Amino acid sequence: MLILLLAWALHLGNAFNVLLAAGFVSYMNVYQIIPEEKTLADKFGK
């Protein structure tokens, strides 16, 4: 998904879109990946 956003940013040709791609990473880390990781750590442990 991130690579798709970076390709889209390049296609659009606006340098500030890189900031939105970084925002995507930040959002995904906080609201998707970290909760997923907590659930998986609880389930699969060590």
All heavy atoms as atom14 arrays in JSON, in Angstrom:
{
  "sequence": "MLILLLAWALHLGNAFNVLLAAGFVSYMNVYQIIPEEKTLADKFGK",
  "atom14_mask": [
    [1, 1, 1, 1, 1, 1, 1, 1, 0, 0, 0, 0, 0, 0],
    [1, 1, 1, 1, 1, 1, 1, 1, 0, 0, 0, 0, 0, 0],
    [1, 1, 1, 1, 1, 1, 1, 1, 0, 0, 0, 0, 0, 0],
    [1, 1, 1, 1, 1, 1, 1, 1, 0, 0, 0, 0, 0, 0],
    [1, 1, 1, 1, 1, 1, 1, 1, 0, 0, 0, 0, 0, 0],
    [1, 1, 1, 1, 1, 1, 1, 1, 0, 0, 0, 0, 0, 0],
    [1, 1, 1, 1, 1, 0, 0, 0, 0, 0, 0, 0, 0, 0],
    [1, 1, 1, 1, 1, 1, 1, 1, 1, 1, 1, 1, 1, 1],
    [1, 1, 1, 1, 1, 0, 0, 0, 0, 0, 0, 0, 0, 0],
    [1, 1, 1, 1, 1, 1, 1, 1, 0, 0, 0, 0, 0, 0],
    [1, 1, 1, 1, 1, 1, 1, 1, 1, 1, 0, 0, 0, 0],
    [1, 1, 1, 1, 1, 1, 1, 1, 0, 0, 0, 0, 0, 0],
    [1, 1, 1, 1, 0, 0, 0, 0, 0, 0, 0, 0, 0, 0],
    [1, 1, 1, 1, 1, 1, 1, 1, 0, 0, 0, 0, 0, 0],
    [1, 1, 1, 1, 1, 0, 0, 0, 0, 0, 0, 0, 0, 0],
    [1, 1, 1, 1, 1, 1, 1, 1, 1, 1, 1, 0, 0, 0],
    [1, 1, 1, 1, 1, 1, 1, 1, 0, 0, 0, 0, 0, 0],
    [1, 1, 1, 1, 1, 1, 1, 0, 0, 0, 0, 0, 0, 0],
    [1, 1, 1, 1, 1, 1, 1, 1, 0, 0, 0, 0, 0, 0],
    [1, 1, 1, 1, 1, 1, 1, 1, 0, 0, 0, 0, 0, 0],
    [1, 1, 1, 1, 1, 0, 0, 0, 0, 0, 0, 0, 0, 0],
    [1, 1, 1, 1, 1, 0, 0, 0, 0, 0, 0, 0, 0, 0],
    [1, 1, 1, 1, 0, 0, 0, 0, 0, 0, 0, 0, 0, 0],
    [1, 1, 1, 1, 1, 1, 1, 1, 1, 1, 1, 0, 0, 0],
    [1, 1, 1, 1, 1, 1, 1, 0, 0, 0, 0, 0, 0, 0],
    [1, 1, 1, 1, 1, 1, 0, 0, 0, 0, 0, 0, 0, 0],
    [1, 1, 1, 1, 1, 1, 1, 1, 1, 1, 1, 1, 0, 0],
    [1, 1, 1, 1, 1, 1, 1, 1, 0, 0, 0, 0, 0, 0],
    [1, 1, 1, 1, 1, 1, 1, 1, 0, 0, 0, 0, 0, 0],
    [1, 1, 1, 1, 1, 1, 1, 0, 0, 0, 0, 0, 0, 0],
    [1, 1, 1, 1, 1, 1, 1, 1, 1, 1, 1, 1, 0, 0],
    [1, 1, 1, 1, 1, 1, 1, 1, 1, 0, 0, 0, 0, 0],
    [1, 1, 1, 1, 1, 1, 1, 1, 0, 0, 0, 0, 0, 0],
    [1, 1, 1, 1, 1, 1, 1, 1, 0, 0, 0, 0, 0, 0],
    [1, 1, 1, 1, 1, 1, 1, 0, 0, 0, 0, 0, 0, 0],
    [1, 1, 1, 1, 1, 1, 1, 1, 1, 0, 0, 0, 0, 0],
    [1, 1, 1, 1, 1, 1, 1, 1, 1, 0, 0, 0, 0, 0],
    [1, 1, 1, 1, 1, 1, 1, 1, 1, 0, 0, 0, 0, 0],
    [1, 1, 1, 1, 1, 1, 1, 0, 0, 0, 0, 0, 0, 0],
    [1, 1, 1, 1, 1, 1, 1, 1, 0, 0, 0, 0, 0, 0],
    [1, 1, 1, 1, 1, 0, 0, 0, 0, 0, 0, 0, 0, 0],
    [1, 1, 1, 1, 1, 1, 1, 1, 0, 0, 0, 0, 0, 0],
    [1, 1, 1, 1, 1, 1, 1, 1, 1, 0, 0, 0, 0, 0],
    [1, 1, 1, 1, 1, 1, 1, 1, 1, 1, 1, 0, 0, 0],
    [1, 1, 1, 1, 0, 0, 0, 0, 0, 0, 0, 0, 0, 0],
    [1, 1, 1, 1, 1, 1, 1, 1, 1, 0, 0, 0, 0, 0]
  ],
  "atom14_positions": [
    [[0.83, -1.21, 0.0], [0.0, 0.0, 0.0], [0.86, 1.26, 0.0], [0.57, 2.22, -0.71], [-0.93, 0.01, 1.22], [-2.02, -1.01, 1.17], [-3.01, -0.89, 2.69], [-4.23, -2.14, 2.38], [0.0, 0.0, 0.0], [0.0, 0.0, 0.0], [0.0, 0.0, 0.0], [0.0, 0.0, 0.0], [0.0, 0.0, 0.0], [0.0, 0.0, 0.0]],
    [[1.92, 1.24, 0.8], [2.83, 2.39, 0.84], [3.49, 2.61, -0.52], [3.58, 3.74, -1.0], [3.89, 2.2, 1.93], [5.0, 3.25, 1.96], [4.44, 4.64, 2.22], [6.06, 2.87, 3.0], [0.0, 0.0, 0.0], [0.0, 0.0, 0.0], [0.0, 0.0, 0.0], [0.0, 0.0, 0.0], [0.0, 0.0, 0.0], [0.0, 0.0, 0.0]],
    [[3.93, 1.54, -1.14], [4.57, 1.66, -2.46], [3.57, 2.2, -3.48], [3.91, 3.03, -4.32], [5.18, 0.32, -2.89], [6.37, -0.02, -1.98], [5.62, 0.36, -4.35], [6.91, -1.42, -2.15], [0.0, 0.0, 0.0], [0.0, 0.0, 0.0], [0.0, 0.0, 0.0], [0.0, 0.0, 0.0], [0.0, 0.0, 0.0], [0.0, 0.0, 0.0]],
    [[2.32, 1.77, -3.37], [1.28, 2.3, -4.26], [1.11, 3.81, -4.04], [1.02, 4.57, -5.01], [-0.04, 1.57, -4.02], [-1.23, 2.04, -4.86], [-0.95, 1.87, -6.35], [-2.48, 1.28, -4.46], [0.0, 0.0, 0.0], [0.0, 0.0, 0.0], [0.0, 0.0, 0.0], [0.0, 0.0, 0.0], [0.0, 0.0, 0.0], [0.0, 0.0, 0.0]],
    [[1.1, 4.24, -2.79], [1.0, 5.67, -2.51], [2.21, 6.44, -3.04], [2.06, 7.55, -3.55], [0.84, 5.92, -1.0], [-0.53, 5.64, -0.42], [-0.52, 5.89, 1.09], [-1.62, 6.48, -1.08], [0.0, 0.0, 0.0], [0.0, 0.0, 0.0], [0.0, 0.0, 0.0], [0.0, 0.0, 0.0], [0.0, 0.0, 0.0], [0.0, 0.0, 0.0]],
    [[3.39, 5.86, -2.92], [4.58, 6.53, -3.44], [4.54, 6.63, -4.96], [4.92, 7.66, -5.54], [5.85, 5.81, -2.97], [6.13, 5.9, -1.47], [7.31, 5.02, -1.09], [6.36, 7.34, -1.04], [0.0, 0.0, 0.0], [0.0, 0.0, 0.0], [0.0, 0.0, 0.0], [0.0, 0.0, 0.0], [0.0, 0.0, 0.0], [0.0, 0.0, 0.0]],
    [[4.05, 5.58, -5.61], [3.88, 5.62, -7.07], [2.87, 6.7, -7.45], [3.07, 7.46, -8.4], [3.45, 4.25, -7.59], [0.0, 0.0, 0.0], [0.0, 0.0, 0.0], [0.0, 0.0, 0.0], [0.0, 0.0, 0.0], [0.0, 0.0, 0.0], [0.0, 0.0, 0.0], [0.0, 0.0, 0.0], [0.0, 0.0, 0.0], [0.0, 0.0, 0.0]],
    [[1.79, 6.78, -6.7], [0.76, 7.79, -6.93], [1.34, 9.19, -6.74], [1.07, 10.11, -7.53], [-0.42, 7.51, -6.01], [-1.58, 8.45, -6.07], [-2.12, 9.14, -5.03], [-2.4, 8.78, -7.2], [-3.2, 9.88, -5.44], [-3.39, 9.68, -6.78], [-2.36, 8.41, -8.54], [-4.35, 10.2, -7.63], [-3.32, 8.93, -9.4], [-4.3, 9.82, -8.95]],
    [[2.13, 9.36, -5.69], [2.77, 10.65, -5.43], [3.68, 11.05, -6.58], [3.68, 12.21, -7.02], [3.56, 10.6, -4.11], [0.0, 0.0, 0.0], [0.0, 0.0, 0.0], [0.0, 0.0, 0.0], [0.0, 0.0, 0.0], [0.0, 0.0, 0.0], [0.0, 0.0, 0.0], [0.0, 0.0, 0.0], [0.0, 0.0, 0.0], [0.0, 0.0, 0.0]],
    [[4.46, 10.1, -7.08], [5.32, 10.38, -8.24], [4.5, 10.73, -9.47], [4.84, 11.63, -10.23], [6.21, 9.18, -8.54], [7.5, 9.07, -7.77], [8.18, 7.73, -8.06], [8.44, 10.21, -8.08], [0.0, 0.0, 0.0], [0.0, 0.0, 0.0], [0.0, 0.0, 0.0], [0.0, 0.0, 0.0], [0.0, 0.0, 0.0], [0.0, 0.0, 0.0]],
    [[3.43, 10.0, -9.68], [2.56, 10.27, -10.83], [1.99, 11.69, -10.75], [1.95, 12.41, -11.74], [1.43, 9.24, -10.88], [0.4, 9.55, -11.92], [0.63, 9.33, -13.26], [-0.85, 10.07, -11.81], [-0.44, 9.71, -13.94], [-1.35, 10.16, -13.08], [0.0, 0.0, 0.0], [0.0, 0.0, 0.0], [0.0, 0.0, 0.0], [0.0, 0.0, 0.0]],
    [[1.55, 12.08, -9.56], [0.99, 13.42, -9.37], [2.05, 14.52, -9.46], [1.74, 15.65, -9.82], [0.25, 13.5, -8.03], [-0.99, 12.63, -7.92], [-1.5, 12.63, -6.48], [-2.07, 13.09, -8.88], [0.0, 0.0, 0.0], [0.0, 0.0, 0.0], [0.0, 0.0, 0.0], [0.0, 0.0, 0.0], [0.0, 0.0, 0.0], [0.0, 0.0, 0.0]],
    [[3.29, 14.17, -9.1], [4.39, 15.11, -9.24], [4.42, 16.26, -8.24], [4.9, 17.34, -8.57], [0.0, 0.0, 0.0], [0.0, 0.0, 0.0], [0.0, 0.0, 0.0], [0.0, 0.0, 0.0], [0.0, 0.0, 0.0], [0.0, 0.0, 0.0], [0.0, 0.0, 0.0], [0.0, 0.0, 0.0], [0.0, 0.0, 0.0], [0.0, 0.0, 0.0]],
    [[3.92, 16.04, -7.04], [4.01, 17.08, -6.01], [4.83, 16.54, -4.84], [4.47, 15.55, -4.22], [2.62, 17.5, -5.53], [2.69, 18.73, -4.64], [3.32, 18.71, -3.6], [2.05, 19.81, -5.08], [0.0, 0.0, 0.0], [0.0, 0.0, 0.0], [0.0, 0.0, 0.0], [0.0, 0.0, 0.0], [0.0, 0.0, 0.0], [0.0, 0.0, 0.0]],
    [[5.92, 17.23, -4.55], [6.86, 16.77, -3.52], [6.22, 16.66, -2.14], [6.62, 15.83, -1.33], [8.07, 17.7, -3.47], [0.0, 0.0, 0.0], [0.0, 0.0, 0.0], [0.0, 0.0, 0.0], [0.0, 0.0, 0.0], [0.0, 0.0, 0.0], [0.0, 0.0, 0.0], [0.0, 0.0, 0.0], [0.0, 0.0, 0.0], [0.0, 0.0, 0.0]],
    [[5.23, 17.48, -1.87], [4.61, 17.46, -0.54], [3.79, 16.19, -0.28], [3.44, 15.9, 0.86], [3.76, 18.72, -0.33], [4.6, 19.96, -0.22], [4.72, 20.81, -1.3], [5.3, 20.24, 0.94], [5.51, 21.95, -1.22], [6.1, 21.36, 1.03], [6.21, 22.23, -0.05], [0.0, 0.0, 0.0], [0.0, 0.0, 0.0], [0.0, 0.0, 0.0]],
    [[3.5, 15.45, -1.34], [2.78, 14.19, -1.14], [3.6, 13.17, -0.37], [3.04, 12.24, 0.21], [2.33, 13.62, -2.49], [1.03, 14.23, -2.94], [0.2, 14.62, -2.11], [0.83, 14.33, -4.23], [0.0, 0.0, 0.0], [0.0, 0.0, 0.0], [0.0, 0.0, 0.0], [0.0, 0.0, 0.0], [0.0, 0.0, 0.0], [0.0, 0.0, 0.0]],
    [[4.91, 13.34, -0.35], [5.75, 12.46, 0.45], [5.38, 12.59, 1.93], [5.41, 11.61, 2.68], [7.25, 12.76, 0.22], [8.14, 11.97, 1.15], [7.61, 12.47, -1.23], [0.0, 0.0, 0.0], [0.0, 0.0, 0.0], [0.0, 0.0, 0.0], [0.0, 0.0, 0.0], [0.0, 0.0, 0.0], [0.0, 0.0, 0.0], [0.0, 0.0, 0.0]],
    [[4.99, 13.79, 2.34], [4.55, 13.99, 3.73], [3.28, 13.19, 4.02], [3.13, 12.64, 5.11], [4.32, 15.47, 4.01], [5.55, 16.37, 3.89], [5.16, 17.83, 4.04], [6.61, 15.98, 4.9], [0.0, 0.0, 0.0], [0.0, 0.0, 0.0], [0.0, 0.0, 0.0], [0.0, 0.0, 0.0], [0.0, 0.0, 0.0], [0.0, 0.0, 0.0]],
    [[2.39, 13.13, 3.04], [1.17, 12.33, 3.23], [1.5, 10.84, 3.28], [0.89, 10.09, 4.04], [0.15, 12.64, 2.15], [-0.53, 14.0, 2.29], [-1.42, 14.29, 1.1], [-1.33, 14.07, 3.57], [0.0, 0.0, 0.0], [0.0, 0.0, 0.0], [0.0, 0.0, 0.0], [0.0, 0.0, 0.0], [0.0, 0.0, 0.0], [0.0, 0.0, 0.0]],
    [[2.47, 10.4, 2.48], [2.9, 9.0, 2.54], [3.48, 8.68, 3.92], [3.21, 7.62, 4.49], [3.91, 8.7, 1.44], [0.0, 0.0, 0.0], [0.0, 0.0, 0.0], [0.0, 0.0, 0.0], [0.0, 0.0, 0.0], [0.0, 0.0, 0.0], [0.0, 0.0, 0.0], [0.0, 0.0, 0.0], [0.0, 0.0, 0.0], [0.0, 0.0, 0.0]],
    [[4.25, 9.62, 4.46], [4.78, 9.44, 5.82], [3.64, 9.42, 6.83], [3.67, 8.66, 7.81], [5.78, 10.55, 6.14], [0.0, 0.0, 0.0], [0.0, 0.0, 0.0], [0.0, 0.0, 0.0], [0.0, 0.0, 0.0], [0.0, 0.0, 0.0], [0.0, 0.0, 0.0], [0.0, 0.0, 0.0], [0.0, 0.0, 0.0], [0.0, 0.0, 0.0]],
    [[2.63, 10.23, 6.6], [1.45, 10.23, 7.47], [0.72, 8.89, 7.42], [0.22, 8.4, 8.44], [0.0, 0.0, 0.0], [0.0, 0.0, 0.0], [0.0, 0.0, 0.0], [0.0, 0.0, 0.0], [0.0, 0.0, 0.0], [0.0, 0.0, 0.0], [0.0, 0.0, 0.0], [0.0, 0.0, 0.0], [0.0, 0.0, 0.0], [0.0, 0.0, 0.0]],
    [[0.68, 8.29, 6.24], [0.08, 6.96, 6.1], [0.83, 5.94, 6.95], [0.21, 5.15, 7.67], [0.09, 6.54, 4.62], [-0.34, 5.12, 4.39], [-1.68, 4.78, 4.39], [0.59, 4.12, 4.17], [-2.09, 3.46, 4.18], [0.21, 2.81, 3.95], [-1.14, 2.48, 3.97], [0.0, 0.0, 0.0], [0.0, 0.0, 0.0], [0.0, 0.0, 0.0]],
    [[2.16, 5.97, 6.89], [2.97, 5.05, 7.68], [2.69, 5.26, 9.17], [2.49, 4.31, 9.92], [4.48, 5.23, 7.37], [5.34, 4.45, 8.37], [4.77, 4.8, 5.95], [0.0, 0.0, 0.0], [0.0, 0.0, 0.0], [0.0, 0.0, 0.0], [0.0, 0.0, 0.0], [0.0, 0.0, 0.0], [0.0, 0.0, 0.0], [0.0, 0.0, 0.0]],
    [[2.68, 6.51, 9.58], [2.42, 6.83, 10.99], [1.04, 6.34, 11.42], [0.89, 5.71, 12.46], [2.55, 8.33, 11.2], [2.31, 8.66, 12.53], [0.0, 0.0, 0.0], [0.0, 0.0, 0.0], [0.0, 0.0, 0.0], [0.0, 0.0, 0.0], [0.0, 0.0, 0.0], [0.0, 0.0, 0.0], [0.0, 0.0, 0.0], [0.0, 0.0, 0.0]],
    [[0.03, 6.63, 10.62], [-1.32, 6.2, 10.93], [-1.39, 4.68, 11.04], [-1.97, 4.13, 11.99], [-2.31, 6.7, 9.87], [-3.73, 6.26, 10.15], [-4.58, 7.05, 10.89], [-4.2, 5.02, 9.71], [-5.88, 6.64, 11.18], [-5.48, 4.59, 9.99], [-6.31, 5.41, 10.73], [-7.59, 4.98, 11.03], [0.0, 0.0, 0.0], [0.0, 0.0, 0.0]],
    [[-0.84, 4.0, 10.05], [-0.89, 2.54, 10.04], [-0.15, 1.95, 11.24], [-0.62, 0.97, 11.84], [-0.32, 1.99, 8.73], [-1.18, 2.29, 7.52], [-2.86, 1.66, 7.63], [-2.55, -0.08, 7.43], [0.0, 0.0, 0.0], [0.0, 0.0, 0.0], [0.0, 0.0, 0.0], [0.0, 0.0, 0.0], [0.0, 0.0, 0.0], [0.0, 0.0, 0.0]],
    [[0.98, 2.53, 11.6], [1.71, 2.04, 12.77], [0.86, 2.15, 14.03], [0.73, 1.19, 14.78], [3.02, 2.81, 12.96], [4.12, 2.31, 12.08], [4.13, 1.17, 11.63], [5.08, 3.17, 11.8], [0.0, 0.0, 0.0], [0.0, 0.0, 0.0], [0.0, 0.0, 0.0], [0.0, 0.0, 0.0], [0.0, 0.0, 0.0], [0.0, 0.0, 0.0]],
    [[0.27, 3.31, 14.26], [-0.45, 3.56, 15.5], [-1.79, 2.85, 15.56], [-2.12, 2.21, 16.56], [-0.64, 5.08, 15.71], [-1.56, 5.37, 16.89], [0.72, 5.75, 15.91], [0.0, 0.0, 0.0], [0.0, 0.0, 0.0], [0.0, 0.0, 0.0], [0.0, 0.0, 0.0], [0.0, 0.0, 0.0], [0.0, 0.0, 0.0], [0.0, 0.0, 0.0]],
    [[-2.57, 2.94, 14.49], [-3.95, 2.47, 14.55], [-4.18, 1.08, 13.97], [-5.25, 0.5, 14.17], [-4.89, 3.47, 13.87], [-4.91, 4.79, 14.58], [-4.22, 5.88, 14.08], [-5.56, 4.93, 15.79], [-4.21, 7.09, 14.75], [-5.57, 6.13, 16.49], [-4.89, 7.21, 15.95], [-4.87, 8.39, 16.62], [0.0, 0.0, 0.0], [0.0, 0.0, 0.0]],
    [[-3.21, 0.53, 13.26], [-3.4, -0.79, 12.68], [-2.34, -1.77, 13.17], [-2.65, -2.8, 13.74], [-3.39, -0.72, 11.15], [-3.63, -2.06, 10.47], [-5.02, -2.59, 10.69], [-5.99, -1.84, 10.64], [-5.14, -3.88, 10.94], [0.0, 0.0, 0.0], [0.0, 0.0, 0.0], [0.0, 0.0, 0.0], [0.0, 0.0, 0.0], [0.0, 0.0, 0.0]],
    [[-1.08, -1.45, 12.93], [-0.01, -2.43, 13.16], [0.23, -2.69, 14.64], [0.31, -3.85, 15.06], [1.28, -1.98, 12.44], [1.04, -2.0, 10.92], [2.44, -2.88, 12.82], [2.16, -1.4, 10.1], [0.0, 0.0, 0.0], [0.0, 0.0, 0.0], [0.0, 0.0, 0.0], [0.0, 0.0, 0.0], [0.0, 0.0, 0.0], [0.0, 0.0, 0.0]],
    [[0.34, -1.66, 15.44], [0.61, -1.87, 16.87], [-0.52, -2.66, 17.54], [-0.25, -3.63, 18.27], [0.93, -0.54, 17.59], [2.29, -0.03, 17.1], [0.89, -0.7, 19.1], [2.67, 1.35, 17.58], [0.0, 0.0, 0.0], [0.0, 0.0, 0.0], [0.0, 0.0, 0.0], [0.0, 0.0, 0.0], [0.0, 0.0, 0.0], [0.0, 0.0, 0.0]],
    [[-1.8, -2.33, 17.28], [-2.86, -3.19, 17.85], [-2.81, -4.63, 17.33], [-3.03, -5.57, 18.09], [-4.15, -2.49, 17.42], [-3.77, -1.07, 17.21], [-2.37, -1.11, 16.68], [0.0, 0.0, 0.0], [0.0, 0.0, 0.0], [0.0, 0.0, 0.0], [0.0, 0.0, 0.0], [0.0, 0.0, 0.0], [0.0, 0.0, 0.0], [0.0, 0.0, 0.0]],
    [[-2.5, -4.79, 16.04], [-2.35, -6.15, 15.48], [-1.23, -6.9, 16.2], [-1.38, -8.06, 16.57], [-1.99, -6.08, 13.99], [-3.13, -6.03, 13.06], [-2.67, -6.02, 11.6], [-1.47, -6.22, 11.31], [-3.52, -5.79, 10.75], [0.0, 0.0, 0.0], [0.0, 0.0, 0.0], [0.0, 0.0, 0.0], [0.0, 0.0, 0.0], [0.0, 0.0, 0.0]],
    [[-0.1, -6.22, 16.37], [1.06, -6.86, 17.0], [0.75, -7.26, 18.44], [1.19, -8.32, 18.88], [2.28, -5.94, 16.94], [2.85, -5.83, 15.55], [4.04, -4.89, 15.46], [4.25, -4.08, 16.39], [4.75, -4.96, 14.45], [0.0, 0.0, 0.0], [0.0, 0.0, 0.0], [0.0, 0.0, 0.0], [0.0, 0.0, 0.0], [0.0, 0.0, 0.0]],
    [[0.03, -6.43, 19.16], [-0.34, -6.78, 20.53], [-1.21, -8.04, 20.54], [-0.97, -8.96, 21.32], [-1.08, -5.62, 21.2], [-1.42, -5.92, 22.65], [-2.19, -4.8, 23.28], [-2.58, -5.07, 24.71], [-2.79, -6.41, 25.14], [0.0, 0.0, 0.0], [0.0, 0.0, 0.0], [0.0, 0.0, 0.0], [0.0, 0.0, 0.0], [0.0, 0.0, 0.0]],
    [[-2.17, -8.1, 19.65], [-3.06, -9.26, 19.56], [-2.26, -10.52, 19.2], [-2.44, -11.58, 19.8], [-4.16, -9.02, 18.52], [-4.9, -7.86, 18.91], [-5.09, -10.21, 18.41], [0.0, 0.0, 0.0], [0.0, 0.0, 0.0], [0.0, 0.0, 0.0], [0.0, 0.0, 0.0], [0.0, 0.0, 0.0], [0.0, 0.0, 0.0], [0.0, 0.0, 0.0]],
    [[-1.37, -10.4, 18.22], [-0.57, -11.55, 17.8], [0.41, -11.99, 18.89], [0.65, -13.18, 19.07], [0.16, -11.24, 16.5], [-0.76, -11.03, 15.28], [0.05, -10.57, 14.08], [-1.54, -12.29, 14.96], [0.0, 0.0, 0.0], [0.0, 0.0, 0.0], [0.0, 0.0, 0.0], [0.0, 0.0, 0.0], [0.0, 0.0, 0.0], [0.0, 0.0, 0.0]],
    [[0.98, -11.02, 19.62], [1.89, -11.37, 20.72], [1.13, -12.11, 21.82], [1.65, -13.07, 22.4], [2.55, -10.11, 21.28], [0.0, 0.0, 0.0], [0.0, 0.0, 0.0], [0.0, 0.0, 0.0], [0.0, 0.0, 0.0], [0.0, 0.0, 0.0], [0.0, 0.0, 0.0], [0.0, 0.0, 0.0], [0.0, 0.0, 0.0], [0.0, 0.0, 0.0]],
    [[-0.09, -11.67, 22.1], [-0.91, -12.36, 23.1], [-1.25, -13.78, 22.64], [-1.26, -14.71, 23.44], [-2.21, -11.6, 23.37], [-1.98, -10.28, 24.1], [-0.88, -10.07, 24.64], [-2.91, -9.45, 24.1], [0.0, 0.0, 0.0], [0.0, 0.0, 0.0], [0.0, 0.0, 0.0], [0.0, 0.0, 0.0], [0.0, 0.0, 0.0], [0.0, 0.0, 0.0]],
    [[-1.5, -13.92, 21.37], [-1.93, -15.22, 20.83], [-0.77, -16.19, 20.63], [-0.87, -17.37, 20.95], [-2.67, -15.01, 19.51], [-3.25, -16.29, 18.97], [-4.38, -16.01, 18.05], [-5.06, -17.31, 17.73], [-6.45, -17.22, 17.56], [0.0, 0.0, 0.0], [0.0, 0.0, 0.0], [0.0, 0.0, 0.0], [0.0, 0.0, 0.0], [0.0, 0.0, 0.0]],
    [[0.36, -15.7, 20.07], [1.47, -16.59, 19.71], [2.67, -16.49, 20.66], [3.62, -17.24, 20.5], [1.92, -16.32, 18.27], [0.85, -16.64, 17.26], [0.16, -15.64, 16.62], [0.54, -17.96, 16.96], [-0.82, -15.92, 15.69], [-0.45, -18.26, 16.03], [-1.13, -17.24, 15.4], [0.0, 0.0, 0.0], [0.0, 0.0, 0.0], [0.0, 0.0, 0.0]],
    [[2.62, -15.56, 21.6], [3.63, -15.47, 22.65], [5.06, -15.32, 22.18], [5.38, -14.46, 21.35], [0.0, 0.0, 0.0], [0.0, 0.0, 0.0], [0.0, 0.0, 0.0], [0.0, 0.0, 0.0], [0.0, 0.0, 0.0], [0.0, 0.0, 0.0], [0.0, 0.0, 0.0], [0.0, 0.0, 0.0], [0.0, 0.0, 0.0], [0.0, 0.0, 0.0]],
    [[5.92, -16.17, 22.73], [7.36, -16.1, 22.49], [7.71, -16.21, 21.01], [8.6, -15.5, 20.52], [8.07, -17.19, 23.29], [9.56, -17.14, 23.19], [10.2, -18.24, 24.02], [11.71, -18.21, 23.85], [12.33, -19.32, 24.58], [0.0, 0.0, 0.0], [0.0, 0.0, 0.0], [0.0, 0.0, 0.0], [0.0, 0.0, 0.0], [0.0, 0.0, 0.0]]
  ]
}
